PDB file of N, CA and C in Angstrom:
ATOM      1  N   MET A   1     187.653  52.710  46.147  1.00  0.00           N
ATOM      2  CA  MET A   1     186.912  52.494  47.306  1.00  0.00           C
ATOM      3  C   MET A   1     185.224  51.880  47.310  1.00  0.00           C
ATOM      4  N   ASP A   2     184.989  51.557  47.982  1.00  0.00           N
ATOM      5  CA  ASP A   2     183.744  50.756  47.944  1.00  0.00           C
ATOM      6  C   ASP A   2     182.503  52.111  48.038  1.00  0.00           C
ATOM      7  N   ILE A   3     181.421  51.971  47.597  1.00  0.00           N
ATOM      8  CA  ILE A   3     180.341  52.832  47.915  1.00  0.00           C
ATOM      9  C   ILE A   3     178.952  51.720  48.190  1.00  0.00           C
ATOM     10  N   PRO A   4     178.392  51.785  49.079  1.00  0.00           N
ATOM     11  CA  PRO A   4     177.397  50.933  49.641  1.00  0.00           C
ATOM     12  C   PRO A   4     175.941  51.480  49.004  1.00  0.00           C
ATOM     13  N   PRO A   5     175.669  50.423  48.380  1.00  0.00           N
ATOM     14  CA  PRO A   5     174.408  50.851  47.514  1.00  0.00           C
ATOM     15  C   PRO A   5     173.380  51.527  47.921  1.00  0.00           C
ATOM     16  N   GLU A   6     173.023  51.460  49.531  1.00  0.00           N
ATOM     17  CA  GLU A   6     172.370  52.082  49.833  1.00  0.00           C
ATOM     18  C   GLU A   6     172.538  53.618  50.761  1.00  0.00           C
ATOM     19  N   SER A   7     173.337  54.290  49.926  1.00  0.00           N
ATOM     20  CA  SER A   7     174.123  55.735  50.382  1.00  0.00           C
ATOM     21  C   SER A   7     173.844  56.557  49.129  1.00  0.00           C
ATOM     22  N   LEU A   8     173.209  55.648  47.944  1.00  0.00           N
ATOM     23  CA  LEU A   8     172.792  56.522  46.658  1.00  0.00           C
ATOM     24  C   LEU A   8     171.325  56.655  46.575  1.00  0.00           C
ATOM     25  N   PRO A   9     171.171  57.600  45.751  1.00  0.00           N
ATOM     26  CA  PRO A   9     170.044  57.689  45.366  1.00  0.00           C
ATOM     27  C   PRO A   9     169.200  56.994  44.476  1.00  0.00           C
ATOM     28  N   PRO A  10     168.146  56.328  44.532  1.00  0.00           N
ATOM     29  CA  PRO A  10     167.624  55.323  43.678  1.00  0.00           C
ATOM     30  C   PRO A  10     167.958  55.382  41.961  1.00  0.00           C
ATOM     31  N   GLU A  11     167.931  56.639  41.975  1.00  0.00           N
ATOM     32  CA  GLU A  11     167.853  56.989  40.398  1.00  0.00           C
ATOM     33  C   GLU A  11     169.522  56.563  39.980  1.00  0.00           C
ATOM     34  N   THR A  12     170.427  57.305  40.907  1.00  0.00           N
ATOM     35  CA  THR A  12     171.948  56.932  40.587  1.00  0.00           C
ATOM     36  C   THR A  12     171.972  55.626  40.765  1.00  0.00           C
ATOM     37  N   LEU A  13     171.921  54.578  41.608  1.00  0.00           N
ATOM     38  CA  LEU A  13     171.525  53.422  41.542  1.00  0.00           C
ATOM     39  C   LEU A  13     171.218  52.717  40.655  1.00  0.00           C
ATOM     40  N   ARG A  14     169.873  52.978  40.079  1.00  0.00           N
ATOM     41  CA  ARG A  14     169.807  52.616  38.739  1.00  0.00           C
ATOM     42  C   ARG A  14     170.416  52.855  37.624  1.00  0.00           C
ATOM     43  N   ALA A  15     171.257  54.012  37.419  1.00  0.00           N
ATOM     44  CA  ALA A  15     171.844  54.515  36.236  1.00  0.00           C
ATOM     45  C   ALA A  15     173.088  53.799  36.026  1.00  0.00           C
ATOM     46  N   ILE A  16     173.793  53.318  37.618  1.00  0.00           N
ATOM     47  CA  ILE A  16     174.757  52.891  37.587  1.00  0.00           C
ATOM     48  C   ILE A  16     174.784  51.362  36.970  1.00  0.00           C
ATOM     49  N   ILE A  17     173.759  50.819  37.346  1.00  0.00           N
ATOM     50  CA  ILE A  17     173.563  49.476  37.231  1.00  0.00           C
ATOM     51  C   ILE A  17     173.449  49.138  35.854  1.00  0.00           C
ATOM     52  N   GLU A  18     172.377  50.007  35.220  1.00  0.00           N
ATOM     53  CA  GLU A  18     172.123  49.895  33.945  1.00  0.00           C
ATOM     54  C   GLU A  18     173.574  50.021  32.894  1.00  0.00           C
ATOM     55  N   GLU A  19     174.080  51.171  33.072  1.00  0.00           N
ATOM     56  CA  GLU A  19     175.196  51.375  32.241  1.00  0.00           C
ATOM     57  C   GLU A  19     176.276  50.001  32.500  1.00  0.00           C
ATOM     58  N   PHE A  20     175.921  49.454  33.597  1.00  0.00           N
ATOM     59  CA  PHE A  20     176.940  48.313  33.741  1.00  0.00           C
ATOM     60  C   PHE A  20     176.411  47.129  33.001  1.00  0.00           C
ATOM     61  N   VAL A  21     175.256  46.687  32.834  1.00  0.00           N
ATOM     62  CA  VAL A  21     174.542  45.745  32.314  1.00  0.00           C
ATOM     63  C   VAL A  21     174.506  45.932  31.105  1.00  0.00           C
ATOM     64  N   THR A  22     174.442  46.978  30.346  1.00  0.00           N
ATOM     65  CA  THR A  22     174.444  47.401  28.826  1.00  0.00           C
ATOM     66  C   THR A  22     175.893  47.628  28.434  1.00  0.00           C
ATOM     67  N   ARG A  23     177.048  47.533  29.091  1.00  0.00           N
ATOM     68  CA  ARG A  23     178.181  47.770  28.318  1.00  0.00           C
ATOM     69  C   ARG A  23     178.509  46.521  27.341  1.00  0.00           C
ATOM     70  N   GLU A  24     179.510  46.833  26.387  1.00  0.00           N
ATOM     71  CA  GLU A  24     179.771  46.138  25.466  1.00  0.00           C
ATOM     72  C   GLU A  24     180.813  45.145  26.010  1.00  0.00           C
ATOM     73  N   GLY A  25     180.217  43.699  25.488  1.00  0.00           N
ATOM     74  CA  GLY A  25     180.966  42.477  25.913  1.00  0.00           C
ATOM     75  C   GLY A  25     180.559  41.871  27.082  1.00  0.00           C
ATOM     76  N   THR A  26     178.983  42.431  27.348  1.00  0.00           N
ATOM     77  CA  THR A  26     178.598  41.714  28.430  1.00  0.00           C
ATOM     78  C   THR A  26     178.018  40.520  28.197  1.00  0.00           C
ATOM     79  N   ASP A  27     178.031  39.527  28.528  1.00  0.00           N
ATOM     80  CA  ASP A  27     177.449  38.225  28.109  1.00  0.00           C
ATOM     81  C   ASP A  27     176.662  37.361  29.086  1.00  0.00           C
ATOM     82  N   TYR A  28     175.260  36.977  28.790  1.00  0.00           N
ATOM     83  CA  TYR A  28     174.443  36.366  29.530  1.00  0.00           C
ATOM     84  C   TYR A  28     173.942  35.188  28.759  1.00  0.00           C
ATOM     85  N   GLY A  29     174.839  34.359  28.005  1.00  0.00           N
ATOM     86  CA  GLY A  29     174.875  33.210  27.773  1.00  0.00           C
ATOM     87  C   GLY A  29     173.500  33.559  26.485  1.00  0.00           C
ATOM     88  N   HIS A  30     172.940  32.197  26.616  1.00  0.00           N
ATOM     89  CA  HIS A  30     172.167  31.839  25.058  1.00  0.00           C
ATOM     90  C   HIS A  30     170.586  32.971  25.589  1.00  0.00           C
ATOM     91  N   ALA A  31     170.400  32.832  26.940  1.00  0.00           N
ATOM     92  CA  ALA A  31     169.041  33.666  27.172  1.00  0.00           C
ATOM     93  C   ALA A  31     168.967  34.997  27.229  1.00  0.00           C
ATOM     94  N   LEU A  32     167.844  35.265  26.723  1.00  0.00           N
ATOM     95  CA  LEU A  32     167.401  36.537  26.696  1.00  0.00           C
ATOM     96  C   LEU A  32     166.971  37.232  28.027  1.00  0.00           C
ATOM     97  N   TYR A  33     167.387  38.481  28.334  1.00  0.00           N
ATOM     98  CA  TYR A  33     166.744  39.011  29.468  1.00  0.00           C
ATOM     99  C   TYR A  33     166.503  40.585  29.243  1.00  0.00           C
ATOM    100  N   SER A  34     165.640  41.053  29.990  1.00  0.00           N
ATOM    101  CA  SER A  34     165.226  42.457  29.361  1.00  0.00           C
ATOM    102  C   SER A  34     165.717  43.299  30.158  1.00  0.00           C
ATOM    103  N   LEU A  35     166.170  44.656  30.004  1.00  0.00           N
ATOM    104  CA  LEU A  35     166.415  45.397  30.948  1.00  0.00           C
ATOM    105  C   LEU A  35     166.621  45.384  32.425  1.00  0.00           C
ATOM    106  N   ASP A  36     165.283  45.235  32.859  1.00  0.00           N
ATOM    107  CA  ASP A  36     164.463  45.558  33.797  1.00  0.00           C
ATOM    108  C   ASP A  36     164.998  43.865  34.876  1.00  0.00           C
ATOM    109  N   GLU A  37     164.623  42.901  33.781  1.00  0.00           N
ATOM    110  CA  GLU A  37     165.365  41.587  34.467  1.00  0.00           C
ATOM    111  C   GLU A  37     166.664  41.496  34.717  1.00  0.00           C
ATOM    112  N   LYS A  38     168.050  42.398  33.840  1.00  0.00           N
ATOM    113  CA  LYS A  38     169.280  42.392  34.224  1.00  0.00           C
ATOM    114  C   LYS A  38     169.540  43.242  35.592  1.00  0.00           C
ATOM    115  N   VAL A  39     168.705  44.357  35.777  1.00  0.00           N
ATOM    116  CA  VAL A  39     169.018  45.376  36.661  1.00  0.00           C
ATOM    117  C   VAL A  39     168.573  44.775  37.931  1.00  0.00           C
ATOM    118  N   ALA A  40     167.422  43.827  38.148  1.00  0.00           N
ATOM    119  CA  ALA A  40     166.903  43.327  39.105  1.00  0.00           C
ATOM    120  C   ALA A  40     167.881  42.102  39.493  1.00  0.00           C
ATOM    121  N   ARG A  41     168.268  41.497  38.522  1.00  0.00           N
ATOM    122  CA  ARG A  41     169.407  40.395  38.881  1.00  0.00           C
ATOM    123  C   ARG A  41     170.281  41.048  39.682  1.00  0.00           C
ATOM    124  N   VAL A  42     171.109  42.333  39.394  1.00  0.00           N
ATOM    125  CA  VAL A  42     172.043  42.928  39.738  1.00  0.00           C
ATOM    126  C   VAL A  42     171.964  43.455  40.901  1.00  0.00           C
ATOM    127  N   GLU A  43     170.669  43.919  41.158  1.00  0.00           N
ATOM    128  CA  GLU A  43     170.057  44.347  42.971  1.00  0.00           C
ATOM    129  C   GLU A  43     170.498  43.595  43.885  1.00  0.00           C
ATOM    130  N   ALA A  44     169.897  42.072  43.020  1.00  0.00           N
ATOM    131  CA  ALA A  44     169.521  41.255  44.058  1.00  0.00           C
ATOM    132  C   ALA A  44     171.287  40.894  44.511  1.00  0.00           C
ATOM    133  N   GLN A  45     172.005  40.848  43.745  1.00  0.00           N
ATOM    134  CA  GLN A  45     173.501  40.496  43.732  1.00  0.00           C
ATOM    135  C   GLN A  45     174.265  41.795  45.058  1.00  0.00           C
ATOM    136  N   LEU A  46     173.835  42.840  44.860  1.00  0.00           N
ATOM    137  CA  LEU A  46     174.273  43.904  45.517  1.00  0.00           C
ATOM    138  C   LEU A  46     173.400  43.437  46.894  1.00  0.00           C
ATOM    139  N   ALA A  47     172.240  43.309  46.960  1.00  0.00           N
ATOM    140  CA  ALA A  47     171.521  43.234  48.222  1.00  0.00           C
ATOM    141  C   ALA A  47     172.166  41.850  49.169  1.00  0.00           C
ATOM    142  N   ARG A  48     172.685  40.855  48.558  1.00  0.00           N
ATOM    143  CA  ARG A  48     172.823  39.583  48.934  1.00  0.00           C
ATOM    144  C   ARG A  48     174.612  39.946  49.704  1.00  0.00           C
ATOM    145  N   GLY A  49     175.317  40.838  49.054  1.00  0.00           N
ATOM    146  CA  GLY A  49     176.423  40.654  49.082  1.00  0.00           C
ATOM    147  C   GLY A  49     177.341  40.221  47.856  1.00  0.00           C
ATOM    148  N   ASP A  50     176.840  40.053  47.157  1.00  0.00           N
ATOM    149  CA  ASP A  50     177.718  39.114  46.120  1.00  0.00           C
ATOM    150  C   ASP A  50     178.421  40.125  45.191  1.00  0.00           C
ATOM    151  N   ALA A  51     177.928  41.494  45.242  1.00  0.00           N
ATOM    152  CA  ALA A  51     179.015  41.986  44.324  1.00  0.00           C
ATOM    153  C   ALA A  51     178.698  43.370  45.278  1.00  0.00           C
ATOM    154  N   ARG A  52     179.824  44.362  44.862  1.00  0.00           N
ATOM    155  CA  ARG A  52     179.641  45.578  45.268  1.00  0.00           C
ATOM    156  C   ARG A  52     180.264  47.004  44.020  1.00  0.00           C
ATOM    157  N   ILE A  53     179.644  47.954  44.752  1.00  0.00           N
ATOM    158  CA  ILE A  53     180.038  48.940  44.005  1.00  0.00           C
ATOM    159  C   ILE A  53     181.480  49.951  44.145  1.00  0.00           C
ATOM    160  N   GLN A  54     182.381  49.972  43.189  1.00  0.00           N
ATOM    161  CA  GLN A  54     183.614  50.634  43.422  1.00  0.00           C
ATOM    162  C   GLN A  54     183.825  51.803  42.391  1.00  0.00           C
ATOM    163  N   PHE A  55     184.344  52.690  43.367  1.00  0.00           N
ATOM    164  CA  PHE A  55     184.576  54.213  42.688  1.00  0.00           C
ATOM    165  C   PHE A  55     185.857  54.341  42.608  1.00  0.00           C
ATOM    166  N   ASP A  56     186.782  54.532  41.539  1.00  0.00           N
ATOM    167  CA  ASP A  56     188.227  54.714  41.305  1.00  0.00           C
ATOM    168  C   ASP A  56     188.320  56.435  41.012  1.00  0.00           C
ATOM    169  N   PRO A  57     188.731  56.617  42.284  1.00  0.00           N
ATOM    170  CA  PRO A  57     189.323  58.381  42.151  1.00  0.00           C
ATOM    171  C   PRO A  57     190.033  58.800  41.032  1.00  0.00           C
ATOM    172  N   ASP A  58     190.953  57.966  40.764  1.00  0.00           N
ATOM    173  CA  ASP A  58     191.955  58.377  40.144  1.00  0.00           C
ATOM    174  C   ASP A  58     191.353  58.147  38.298  1.00  0.00           C
ATOM    175  N   THR A  59     190.602  57.562  38.026  1.00  0.00           N
ATOM    176  CA  THR A  59     189.981  57.469  36.699  1.00  0.00           C
ATOM    177  C   THR A  59     188.521  58.104  36.747  1.00  0.00           C
ATOM    178  N   GLU A  60     188.010  58.275  37.852  1.00  0.00           N
ATOM    179  CA  GLU A  60     186.792  58.928  38.580  1.00  0.00           C
ATOM    180  C   GLU A  60     185.471  57.992  37.536  1.00  0.00           C
ATOM    181  N   THR A  61     185.866  56.806  38.118  1.00  0.00           N
ATOM    182  CA  THR A  61     184.982  55.793  37.175  1.00  0.00           C
ATOM    183  C   THR A  61     184.318  54.814  38.191  1.00  0.00           C
ATOM    184  N   VAL A  62     183.030  54.235  37.932  1.00  0.00           N
ATOM    185  CA  VAL A  62     182.517  53.436  38.570  1.00  0.00           C
ATOM    186  C   VAL A  62     182.253  52.060  38.253  1.00  0.00           C
ATOM    187  N   THR A  63     182.533  50.707  38.825  1.00  0.00           N
ATOM    188  CA  THR A  63     182.349  49.794  38.323  1.00  0.00           C
ATOM    189  C   THR A  63     181.417  48.965  39.305  1.00  0.00           C
ATOM    190  N   LEU A  64     180.630  47.438  38.909  1.00  0.00           N
ATOM    191  CA  LEU A  64     180.231  46.698  40.065  1.00  0.00           C
ATOM    192  C   LEU A  64     181.344  45.466  39.670  1.00  0.00           C
ATOM    193  N   ILE A  65     181.658  44.987  40.770  1.00  0.00           N
ATOM    194  CA  ILE A  65     182.651  43.644  40.971  1.00  0.00           C
ATOM    195  C   ILE A  65     181.935  42.607  41.816  1.00  0.00           C
ATOM    196  N   PRO A  66     181.996  41.611  41.301  1.00  0.00           N
ATOM    197  CA  PRO A  66     181.685  40.351  41.917  1.00  0.00           C
ATOM    198  C   PRO A  66     182.656  39.923  43.589  1.00  0.00           C
ATOM    199  N   VAL A  67     182.008  39.843  44.315  1.00  0.00           N
ATOM    200  CA  VAL A  67     182.627  39.634  45.839  1.00  0.00           C
ATOM    201  C   VAL A  67     182.959  37.978  45.833  1.00  0.00           C
TER     202      VAL A  67
END
């Protein structure tokens, strides 16, 4: 099920994004970005509709997926 970012408290949204961008295997190429830069990039993708937040009730997990 999709979760609209605006329906989440700011702290929760940030925690979801931080968990996503710090996952093992996340690749940003040769560039080094700070955590804040990574979070800002994902926030922009969510705002543009280029990504969405999905909750899986079976596994009770949240992930971000590209659209």
